[in-house]
């Protein structure tokens, strides 16, 4: 690990000027601080202190990233105040005491709208046009918030996606066959072999079928607590599709993680999961291990892409930072191409920078490729309090379909009950 980090530091410093996001924008803000000795070329050096929060797994790789930032920015004399803080803790700590919170910290994209609406996040203004070109459209959308004036602002740098995709056995399915679930299910793989497995009983997975059918959750932008249309004709079509899928003898529900063991026994050809399953899948099927975006399903006579909840790990800047320009530059630095590649090589964090999509190192990781492909189809997971009312009723719907209690005969009433359960009790 020390040898890797030494190499990373050397490469990052050599890459520093080309990997930097570019010139600053006029509205990015000016940094305060005392002037020190002149930098090369006669310009003054500004003392800058940045407090940085990172989770435990990011601490060791942060040192070379800070060093390369300093090398790329001789106009700053940097002082760093780094502490270990989980990505799931930062927002609540920022809410509790913004004055003592870090200048730069990790936050899930789902937490950005709430913190932005509270005025606690600084919009990213530094070199924003280039920032928008570096990442996928879905990644930028996940960190953008539209204000009352109708203008959309970017509030963080998305550096790694988080969702699920599809693993498959390349000996059983070709790259073309896994594009369509109908094609997959029609294939004869022999007696006792299941073609496909998913977690329909899990409310983090089931939404992908309803989104494919054209349904929405809390309105088109996920912010209306009174809106859920899963009981309309599109929702009924999605429900019928799921009912017929679980009845198919070539399908098996991934209860208790059974999919990986079936994969190892060559009794399953494909299943849905995230990067956390990659080591087990590689061990199970070795060189036959493949991964890709979720397939399309044919619903209402149309091939529609399965689209799932997705969010991103991000670096954000607090609005009250004393050094808004340097803080933005550093947040962007942490998410640049060189550092995303470092993060992938050492921590197995799938990148979001578009230029890395065809990098040979990533292409050697089927899971990273699958996650990046599926990220194009993400639906940002709604981040309103009402979302807490969704998980249990949606899981109950999936469980009812899997165990056969929900049939086409009672599907409409079950969907009506689901919508009522999710939207009737308004949460503030």
Protein backbone atom coordinates (compact mmCIF):
# COMPACT_ATOMS: atom_id res chain seq x y z
CA UNK A 1 0.00 0.00 0.00
CA UNK A 2 2.84 2.43 0.87
CA UNK A 3 4.47 1.72 -2.48
CA UNK A 4 1.16 2.37 -4.24
CA UNK A 5 0.67 5.63 -2.41
CA UNK A 6 4.20 6.79 -3.20
CA UNK A 7 3.55 6.08 -6.86
CA UNK A 8 0.16 7.81 -6.68
CA UNK A 9 1.74 10.92 -5.14
CA UNK A 10 4.39 11.05 -7.84
CA UNK A 11 1.87 10.59 -10.63
CA UNK A 12 -0.64 13.00 -9.12
CA UNK A 13 1.95 15.78 -8.76
CA UNK A 14 3.13 15.23 -12.33
CA UNK A 15 -0.47 15.28 -13.51
CA UNK A 16 -1.48 18.20 -11.32
CA UNK A 17 -1.56 21.07 -13.78
CA UNK A 18 -3.32 19.15 -16.55
CA UNK A 19 -5.83 17.54 -14.19
CA UNK A 20 -6.80 20.83 -12.59
CA UNK A 21 -10.27 21.96 -13.54
CA UNK A 22 -9.01 25.12 -15.23
CA UNK A 23 -9.40 28.83 -14.72
CA UNK A 24 -11.73 30.32 -12.17
CA UNK A 25 -15.05 32.00 -12.91
CA UNK A 26 -15.70 35.59 -12.01
CA UNK A 27 -18.42 34.74 -9.49
CA UNK A 28 -16.56 32.00 -7.63
CA UNK A 29 -15.77 34.24 -4.67
CA UNK A 30 -12.53 35.63 -3.26
CA UNK A 31 -10.57 34.09 -0.43
CA UNK A 32 -9.66 35.97 2.69
CA UNK A 33 -6.37 35.43 4.47
CA UNK A 34 -3.10 37.18 5.07
CA UNK A 35 -0.52 37.68 2.33
CA UNK A 36 2.75 35.81 2.75
CA UNK A 37 5.91 35.66 0.65
CA UNK A 38 5.62 36.21 -3.09
CA UNK A 39 5.10 33.10 -5.19
CA UNK A 40 7.06 32.34 -8.33
CA UNK A 41 6.51 35.15 -10.79
CA UNK A 42 6.08 37.77 -8.08
CA UNK A 43 2.44 37.12 -7.14
CA UNK A 44 1.52 37.07 -3.46
CA UNK A 45 0.86 33.88 -1.55
CA UNK A 46 -2.33 33.66 0.52
CA UNK A 47 -2.51 31.71 3.77
CA UNK A 48 -5.43 29.28 3.50
CA UNK A 49 -6.68 26.87 6.15
CA UNK A 50 -9.18 24.24 5.06
CA UNK A 51 -10.97 21.87 7.40
CA UNK A 52 -11.68 18.60 5.60
CA UNK A 53 -13.89 15.68 6.61
CA UNK A 54 -13.30 12.27 5.03
CA UNK A 55 -14.46 8.75 5.90
CA UNK A 56 -11.89 6.27 7.20
CA UNK A 57 -11.29 4.62 3.82
CA UNK A 58 -10.37 7.97 2.23
CA UNK A 59 -7.88 9.19 4.85
CA UNK A 60 -4.72 7.54 3.54
CA UNK A 61 -5.22 8.50 -0.11
CA UNK A 62 -6.06 12.09 0.89
CA UNK A 63 -2.45 12.96 1.74
CA UNK A 64 -1.10 12.71 -1.82
CA UNK A 65 -4.20 14.50 -3.12
CA UNK A 66 -3.55 17.43 -0.77
CA UNK A 67 0.14 17.47 -1.75
CA UNK A 68 -0.65 17.57 -5.46
CA UNK A 69 -3.20 20.35 -4.87
CA UNK A 70 -0.51 22.42 -3.15
CA UNK A 71 1.86 21.80 -6.06
CA UNK A 72 -0.77 22.98 -8.53
CA UNK A 73 -1.64 26.07 -6.47
CA UNK A 74 1.54 27.89 -5.41
CA UNK A 75 -0.62 30.96 -4.79
CA UNK A 76 -1.75 29.31 -1.53
CA UNK A 77 0.15 28.42 1.60
CA UNK A 78 -2.08 25.58 2.76
CA UNK A 79 -2.82 24.48 6.31
CA UNK A 80 -4.94 21.34 6.54
CA UNK A 81 -7.27 20.29 9.37
CA UNK A 82 -8.38 16.74 8.54
CA UNK A 83 -10.67 14.54 10.62
CA UNK A 84 -12.51 11.25 10.07
CA UNK A 85 -16.23 11.77 9.47
CA UNK A 86 -18.52 9.34 7.63
CA UNK A 87 -20.42 10.42 4.56
CA UNK A 88 -23.64 9.64 6.42
CA UNK A 89 -22.69 11.94 9.32
CA UNK A 90 -21.65 15.16 7.59
CA UNK A 91 -25.10 16.62 6.89
CA UNK A 92 -26.35 16.23 10.45
CA UNK A 93 -23.13 17.73 11.85
CA UNK A 94 -23.43 20.63 9.43
CA UNK A 95 -27.01 21.18 10.59
CA UNK A 96 -25.95 21.09 14.23
CA UNK A 97 -23.11 23.61 14.01
CA UNK A 98 -22.14 25.05 10.65
CA UNK A 99 -19.45 27.24 12.23
CA UNK A 100 -17.38 24.25 13.35
CA UNK A 101 -18.20 22.07 10.35
CA UNK A 102 -15.62 21.26 7.69
CA UNK A 103 -15.10 23.51 4.70
CA UNK A 104 -15.01 20.48 2.37
CA UNK A 105 -16.74 17.18 3.13
CA UNK A 106 -18.43 14.14 1.63
CA UNK A 107 -22.20 14.00 1.29
CA UNK A 108 -24.57 11.65 -0.59
CA UNK A 109 -26.32 13.37 -3.48
CA UNK A 110 -29.67 12.58 -1.89
CA UNK A 111 -28.83 14.94 0.98
CA UNK A 112 -27.94 17.89 -1.24
CA UNK A 113 -31.41 19.42 -1.89
CA UNK A 114 -32.21 19.63 1.81
CA UNK A 115 -28.88 21.18 2.78
CA UNK A 116 -28.99 23.57 -0.17
CA UNK A 117 -32.48 24.73 0.73
CA UNK A 118 -31.24 25.47 4.25
CA UNK A 119 -28.53 27.66 2.74
CA UNK A 120 -25.74 25.50 4.15
CA UNK A 121 -24.02 24.55 0.88
CA UNK A 122 -22.00 26.81 -1.39
CA UNK A 123 -22.95 26.55 -5.08
CA UNK A 124 -20.00 25.48 -7.20
CA UNK A 125 -19.17 28.50 -9.35
CA UNK A 126 -15.49 27.92 -10.05
CA UNK A 127 -14.94 26.83 -13.66
CA UNK A 128 -18.50 25.50 -13.71
CA UNK A 129 -18.73 25.02 -17.49
CA UNK A 130 -15.78 22.65 -17.42
CA UNK A 131 -17.18 20.85 -14.38
CA UNK A 132 -20.39 20.11 -16.26
CA UNK A 133 -18.39 18.61 -19.14
CA UNK A 134 -16.32 16.31 -16.93
CA UNK A 135 -19.18 14.22 -15.54
CA UNK A 136 -22.20 12.41 -16.94
CA UNK A 137 -25.47 14.27 -17.30
CA UNK A 138 -27.05 12.11 -14.61
CA UNK A 139 -24.23 12.84 -12.18
CA UNK A 140 -24.57 16.60 -12.67
CA UNK A 141 -28.36 16.37 -12.36
CA UNK A 142 -28.00 14.55 -9.04
CA UNK A 143 -26.03 17.45 -7.51
CA UNK A 144 -28.11 20.28 -9.00
CA UNK A 145 -30.95 22.12 -7.31
CA UNK A 146 -33.43 24.44 -9.02
CA UNK A 147 -34.24 27.55 -7.03
CA UNK A 148 -37.45 29.58 -6.82
CA UNK A 149 -36.12 31.74 -9.66
CA UNK A 150 -36.00 28.71 -11.96
CA UNK A 151 -32.21 28.66 -12.15
CA UNK A 152 -30.40 25.38 -11.51
CA UNK A 153 -27.15 25.47 -9.53
CA UNK A 154 -24.54 22.74 -8.98
CA UNK A 155 -23.86 22.18 -5.28
CA UNK A 156 -21.26 19.39 -5.18
CA UNK A 157 -18.74 17.33 -7.14
CA UNK A 158 -20.02 13.76 -7.78
CA UNK A 159 -17.13 11.31 -7.60
CA UNK A 160 -18.69 7.82 -7.40
CA UNK A 161 -22.13 6.37 -8.23
CA UNK A 162 -24.08 4.08 -5.93
CA UNK A 163 -26.77 1.73 -7.20
CA UNK A 164 -27.28 -1.74 -8.68
CA UNK A 165 -26.85 -3.23 -12.15
CA UNK A 166 -26.75 -6.77 -13.59
CA UNK A 167 -24.14 -9.51 -13.28
CA UNK A 168 -24.19 -12.38 -15.76
CA UNK A 169 -22.33 -15.50 -16.82
CA UNK A 170 -20.72 -14.80 -20.21
CA UNK A 171 -20.77 -18.50 -21.03
CA UNK A 172 -24.58 -18.49 -20.79
CA UNK A 173 -25.47 -15.08 -22.26
CA UNK A 174 -23.87 -12.91 -24.93
CA UNK A 175 -23.45 -9.13 -24.67
CA UNK A 176 -26.39 -8.65 -27.02
CA UNK A 177 -28.68 -11.08 -25.20
CA UNK A 178 -28.35 -9.31 -21.85
CA UNK A 179 -29.75 -6.09 -23.32
CA UNK A 180 -33.31 -7.47 -23.20
CA UNK A 181 -34.95 -9.40 -20.39
CA UNK A 182 -37.36 -10.96 -22.91
CA UNK A 183 -34.41 -12.34 -24.89
CA UNK A 184 -32.81 -13.61 -21.70
CA UNK A 185 -35.93 -15.34 -20.44
CA UNK A 186 -36.65 -16.94 -23.82
CA UNK A 187 -33.29 -18.74 -23.93
CA UNK A 188 -33.14 -22.43 -23.02
CA UNK A 189 -30.22 -22.90 -20.63
CA UNK A 190 -31.04 -26.48 -19.69
CA UNK A 191 -32.86 -28.24 -16.88
CA UNK A 192 -32.51 -26.78 -13.40
CA UNK A 193 -30.90 -23.53 -14.58
CA UNK A 194 -32.51 -20.19 -13.78
CA UNK A 195 -32.11 -17.42 -16.34
CA UNK A 196 -32.59 -14.39 -14.09
CA UNK A 197 -32.87 -13.35 -10.45
CA UNK A 198 -33.76 -10.07 -8.77
CA UNK A 199 -34.94 -8.70 -5.40
CA UNK A 200 -38.57 -7.89 -6.17
CA UNK A 201 -39.36 -8.16 -2.45
CA UNK A 202 -36.95 -5.27 -1.80
CA UNK A 203 -38.28 -1.70 -2.19
CA UNK A 204 -34.85 -0.49 -3.36
CA UNK A 205 -35.16 -2.78 -6.42
CA UNK A 206 -38.86 -2.98 -7.29
CA UNK A 207 -39.14 0.66 -8.40
CA UNK A 208 -37.07 -0.08 -11.53
CA UNK A 209 -40.02 -1.89 -13.11
CA UNK A 210 -42.47 0.92 -12.33
CA UNK A 211 -40.08 3.57 -13.63
CA UNK A 212 -39.67 1.52 -16.82
CA UNK A 213 -43.44 1.58 -17.24
CA UNK A 214 -43.46 5.38 -17.00
CA UNK A 215 -44.59 5.80 -13.40
CA UNK A 216 -43.26 8.44 -11.03
CA UNK A 217 -42.72 8.62 -7.28
CA UNK A 218 -43.51 11.99 -5.66
CA UNK A 219 -43.99 13.60 -9.03
CA UNK A 220 -41.66 13.93 -12.03
CA UNK A 221 -38.98 15.65 -9.93
CA UNK A 222 -39.50 13.61 -6.74
CA UNK A 223 -40.55 16.57 -4.57
CA UNK A 224 -44.37 16.31 -4.33
CA UNK A 225 -45.31 14.30 -1.20
CA UNK A 226 -48.91 13.96 -2.42
CA UNK A 227 -48.00 12.33 -5.73
CA UNK A 228 -47.51 8.65 -6.54
CA UNK A 229 -49.07 7.21 -9.70
CA UNK A 230 -48.20 3.53 -9.36
CA UNK A 231 -51.92 2.68 -9.38
CA UNK A 232 -52.60 4.09 -12.85
CA UNK A 233 -52.67 1.97 -16.02
CA UNK A 234 -48.89 2.08 -16.31
CA UNK A 235 -48.52 0.90 -12.75
CA UNK A 236 -50.97 -1.94 -13.35
CA UNK A 237 -48.94 -2.96 -16.40
CA UNK A 238 -45.77 -3.00 -14.30
CA UNK A 239 -47.48 -5.05 -11.60
CA UNK A 240 -48.75 -7.60 -14.11
CA UNK A 241 -45.27 -7.86 -15.58
CA UNK A 242 -43.83 -8.67 -12.15
CA UNK A 243 -46.58 -11.20 -11.40
CA UNK A 244 -45.85 -13.04 -14.64
CA UNK A 245 -42.10 -12.81 -14.12
CA UNK A 246 -42.13 -14.52 -10.73
CA UNK A 247 -44.39 -17.26 -12.13
CA UNK A 248 -41.85 -18.02 -14.85
CA UNK A 249 -39.93 -21.21 -13.92
CA UNK A 250 -36.79 -19.61 -15.34
CA UNK A 251 -36.91 -16.87 -12.66
CA UNK A 252 -35.89 -17.18 -9.01
CA UNK A 253 -36.20 -14.52 -6.34
CA UNK A 254 -32.91 -13.58 -4.70
CA UNK A 255 -34.02 -14.41 -1.17
CA UNK A 256 -31.27 -14.44 1.45
CA UNK A 257 -28.59 -13.84 -1.16
CA UNK A 258 -29.12 -17.20 -2.86
CA UNK A 259 -28.12 -15.82 -6.26
CA UNK A 260 -24.35 -15.98 -5.73
CA UNK A 261 -24.38 -19.64 -4.64
CA UNK A 262 -26.56 -20.55 -7.62
CA UNK A 263 -24.16 -18.65 -9.85
CA UNK A 264 -21.24 -20.66 -8.47
CA UNK A 265 -23.13 -23.91 -9.11
CA UNK A 266 -23.82 -22.80 -12.71
CA UNK A 267 -27.53 -22.89 -11.87
CA UNK A 268 -28.13 -19.17 -12.53
CA UNK A 269 -27.19 -17.01 -15.50
CA UNK A 270 -27.84 -13.43 -14.29
CA UNK A 271 -28.88 -11.41 -11.26
CA UNK A 272 -29.12 -7.82 -10.03
CA UNK A 273 -26.79 -6.40 -7.38
CA UNK A 274 -24.17 -3.71 -6.76
CA UNK A 275 -20.39 -3.47 -6.61
CA UNK A 276 -20.37 -5.03 -3.14
CA UNK A 277 -21.08 -8.41 -4.81
CA UNK A 278 -18.16 -8.16 -7.25
CA UNK A 279 -15.61 -10.19 -5.19
CA UNK A 280 -18.12 -13.00 -4.63
CA UNK A 281 -19.16 -13.05 -8.29
CA UNK A 282 -15.54 -13.16 -9.47
CA UNK A 283 -14.84 -16.04 -7.09
CA UNK A 284 -18.00 -17.84 -8.18
CA UNK A 285 -17.53 -17.83 -11.96
CA UNK A 286 -14.02 -16.50 -12.63
CA UNK A 287 -13.34 -15.60 -16.26
CA UNK A 288 -17.04 -15.98 -17.14
CA UNK A 289 -17.87 -13.00 -14.94
CA UNK A 290 -19.66 -10.20 -16.80
CA UNK A 291 -21.61 -7.11 -15.76
CA UNK A 292 -23.76 -4.59 -17.59
CA UNK A 293 -26.62 -2.12 -17.28
CA UNK A 294 -30.04 -3.48 -16.38
CA UNK A 295 -31.92 -4.87 -19.41
CA UNK A 296 -34.99 -3.49 -21.12
CA UNK A 297 -38.39 -5.05 -20.49
CA UNK A 298 -41.26 -5.20 -22.95
CA UNK A 299 -44.18 -3.52 -21.28
CA UNK A 300 -47.34 -2.28 -22.98
CA UNK A 301 -45.83 -3.54 -26.22
CA UNK A 302 -42.77 -1.30 -25.93
CA UNK A 303 -39.18 -2.07 -24.94
CA UNK A 304 -38.42 0.16 -21.94
CA UNK A 305 -35.22 0.51 -19.96
CA UNK A 306 -35.22 -0.62 -16.33
CA UNK A 307 -34.38 2.54 -14.39
CA UNK A 308 -33.50 2.45 -10.71
CA UNK A 309 -32.85 4.69 -7.75
CA UNK A 310 -29.34 6.04 -7.88
CA UNK A 311 -27.28 8.50 -5.95
CA UNK A 312 -23.68 9.62 -5.86
CA UNK A 313 -20.95 10.13 -3.34
CA UNK A 314 -19.99 13.79 -3.56
CA UNK A 315 -17.67 16.45 -2.20
CA UNK A 316 -19.43 19.65 -1.12
CA UNK A 317 -18.41 23.01 0.36
CA UNK A 318 -20.15 24.72 3.26
CA UNK A 319 -21.60 28.13 2.46
CA UNK A 320 -19.90 29.84 5.41
CA UNK A 321 -16.34 28.84 4.51
CA UNK A 322 -13.78 31.62 4.89
CA UNK A 323 -12.06 30.45 1.72
CA UNK A 324 -14.78 29.90 -0.89
CA UNK A 325 -12.48 29.90 -3.92
CA UNK A 326 -9.83 27.55 -2.50
CA UNK A 327 -12.53 25.28 -1.04
CA UNK A 328 -14.27 24.95 -4.40
CA UNK A 329 -10.99 24.35 -6.16
CA UNK A 330 -10.08 21.63 -3.67
CA UNK A 331 -13.50 19.93 -3.93
CA UNK A 332 -13.09 19.87 -7.70
CA UNK A 333 -9.51 18.63 -7.30
CA UNK A 334 -10.68 15.68 -5.20
CA UNK A 335 -13.08 14.72 -7.99
CA UNK A 336 -10.78 15.26 -10.97
CA UNK A 337 -9.76 12.55 -13.41
CA UNK A 338 -6.41 11.67 -11.81
CA UNK A 339 -7.82 11.41 -8.29
CA UNK A 340 -10.86 9.42 -9.38
CA UNK A 341 -8.54 6.93 -11.03
CA UNK A 342 -6.46 6.75 -7.85
CA UNK A 343 -9.61 6.22 -5.80
CA UNK A 344 -10.66 3.36 -8.07
CA UNK A 345 -7.26 1.66 -8.08
CA UNK A 346 -6.89 1.76 -4.30
CA UNK A 347 -10.44 1.87 -2.89
CA UNK A 348 -12.39 0.31 -5.80
CA UNK A 349 -14.65 3.40 -6.05
CA UNK A 350 -16.20 3.52 -9.52
CA UNK A 351 -15.52 6.93 -11.13
CA UNK A 352 -17.92 9.43 -12.70
CA UNK A 353 -15.49 11.27 -14.99
CA UNK A 354 -16.58 10.50 -18.54
CA UNK A 355 -13.00 10.32 -19.82
CA UNK A 356 -12.35 7.29 -17.59
CA UNK A 357 -15.19 5.20 -19.02
CA UNK A 358 -12.87 3.54 -21.55
CA UNK A 359 -9.77 3.48 -19.38
CA UNK A 360 -8.10 0.03 -19.59
CA UNK A 361 -7.91 -0.26 -15.80
CA UNK A 362 -11.67 0.22 -15.49
CA UNK A 363 -12.42 -2.02 -18.44
CA UNK A 364 -10.75 -4.82 -16.49
CA UNK A 365 -13.44 -4.41 -13.81
CA UNK A 366 -16.81 -5.64 -15.13
CA UNK A 367 -18.59 -4.30 -12.04
CA UNK A 368 -17.26 -0.79 -12.60
CA UNK A 369 -18.31 -0.94 -16.25
CA UNK A 370 -21.78 -2.21 -15.33
CA UNK A 371 -22.29 0.48 -12.71
CA UNK A 372 -21.13 3.25 -15.04
CA UNK A 373 -23.44 1.98 -17.81
CA UNK A 374 -26.44 1.83 -15.49
CA UNK A 375 -25.71 5.29 -14.05
CA UNK A 376 -26.90 6.74 -17.38
CA UNK A 377 -30.41 5.57 -16.48
CA UNK A 378 -30.61 6.54 -12.81
CA UNK A 379 -33.65 8.23 -11.35
CA UNK A 380 -32.45 10.40 -8.45
CA UNK A 381 -33.80 8.87 -5.25
CA UNK A 382 -36.35 11.34 -3.83
CA UNK A 383 -34.97 13.25 -0.88
CA UNK A 384 -38.06 14.46 0.92
CA UNK A 385 -39.29 13.36 4.36
CA UNK A 386 -42.22 11.54 2.72
CA UNK A 387 -39.73 9.03 1.32
CA UNK A 388 -39.75 7.38 4.74
CA UNK A 389 -43.34 6.32 4.07
CA UNK A 390 -42.35 4.50 0.87
CA UNK A 391 -40.02 1.70 1.94
CA UNK A 392 -42.26 -0.62 3.99
CA UNK A 393 -45.42 -0.51 1.80
CA UNK A 394 -43.38 -0.97 -1.39
CA UNK A 395 -41.56 -3.94 0.14
CA UNK A 396 -44.93 -5.42 1.14
CA UNK A 397 -46.12 -5.11 -2.46
CA UNK A 398 -43.06 -6.96 -3.70
CA UNK A 399 -43.37 -9.66 -1.06
CA UNK A 400 -47.04 -10.14 -1.93
CA UNK A 401 -46.17 -10.59 -5.59
CA UNK A 402 -43.33 -13.02 -4.85
CA UNK A 403 -45.39 -15.21 -2.52
CA UNK A 404 -48.42 -15.20 -4.81
CA UNK A 405 -50.79 -13.32 -2.52
CA UNK A 406 -51.06 -10.48 -5.03
CA UNK A 407 -52.58 -11.61 -8.32
CA UNK A 408 -53.90 -9.87 -11.39
CA UNK A 409 -57.36 -10.11 -9.82
CA UNK A 410 -56.49 -8.02 -6.75
CA UNK A 411 -53.58 -6.04 -8.17
CA UNK A 412 -55.50 -2.79 -8.65
CA UNK A 413 -56.74 -2.72 -5.08
CA UNK A 414 -53.26 -3.54 -3.78
CA UNK A 415 -51.73 -0.70 -5.80
CA UNK A 416 -54.45 1.66 -4.55
CA UNK A 417 -53.57 0.68 -0.98
CA UNK A 418 -49.88 1.19 -1.67
CA UNK A 419 -50.41 4.71 -2.98
CA UNK A 420 -52.69 5.55 -0.07
CA UNK A 421 -50.14 4.25 2.45
CA UNK A 422 -47.29 6.24 0.92
CA UNK A 423 -49.10 9.57 0.42
CA UNK A 424 -51.96 9.81 2.95
CA UNK A 425 -49.82 10.58 5.99
CA UNK A 426 -47.92 13.75 5.17
CA UNK A 427 -44.54 14.04 6.85
CA UNK A 428 -42.91 17.37 7.59
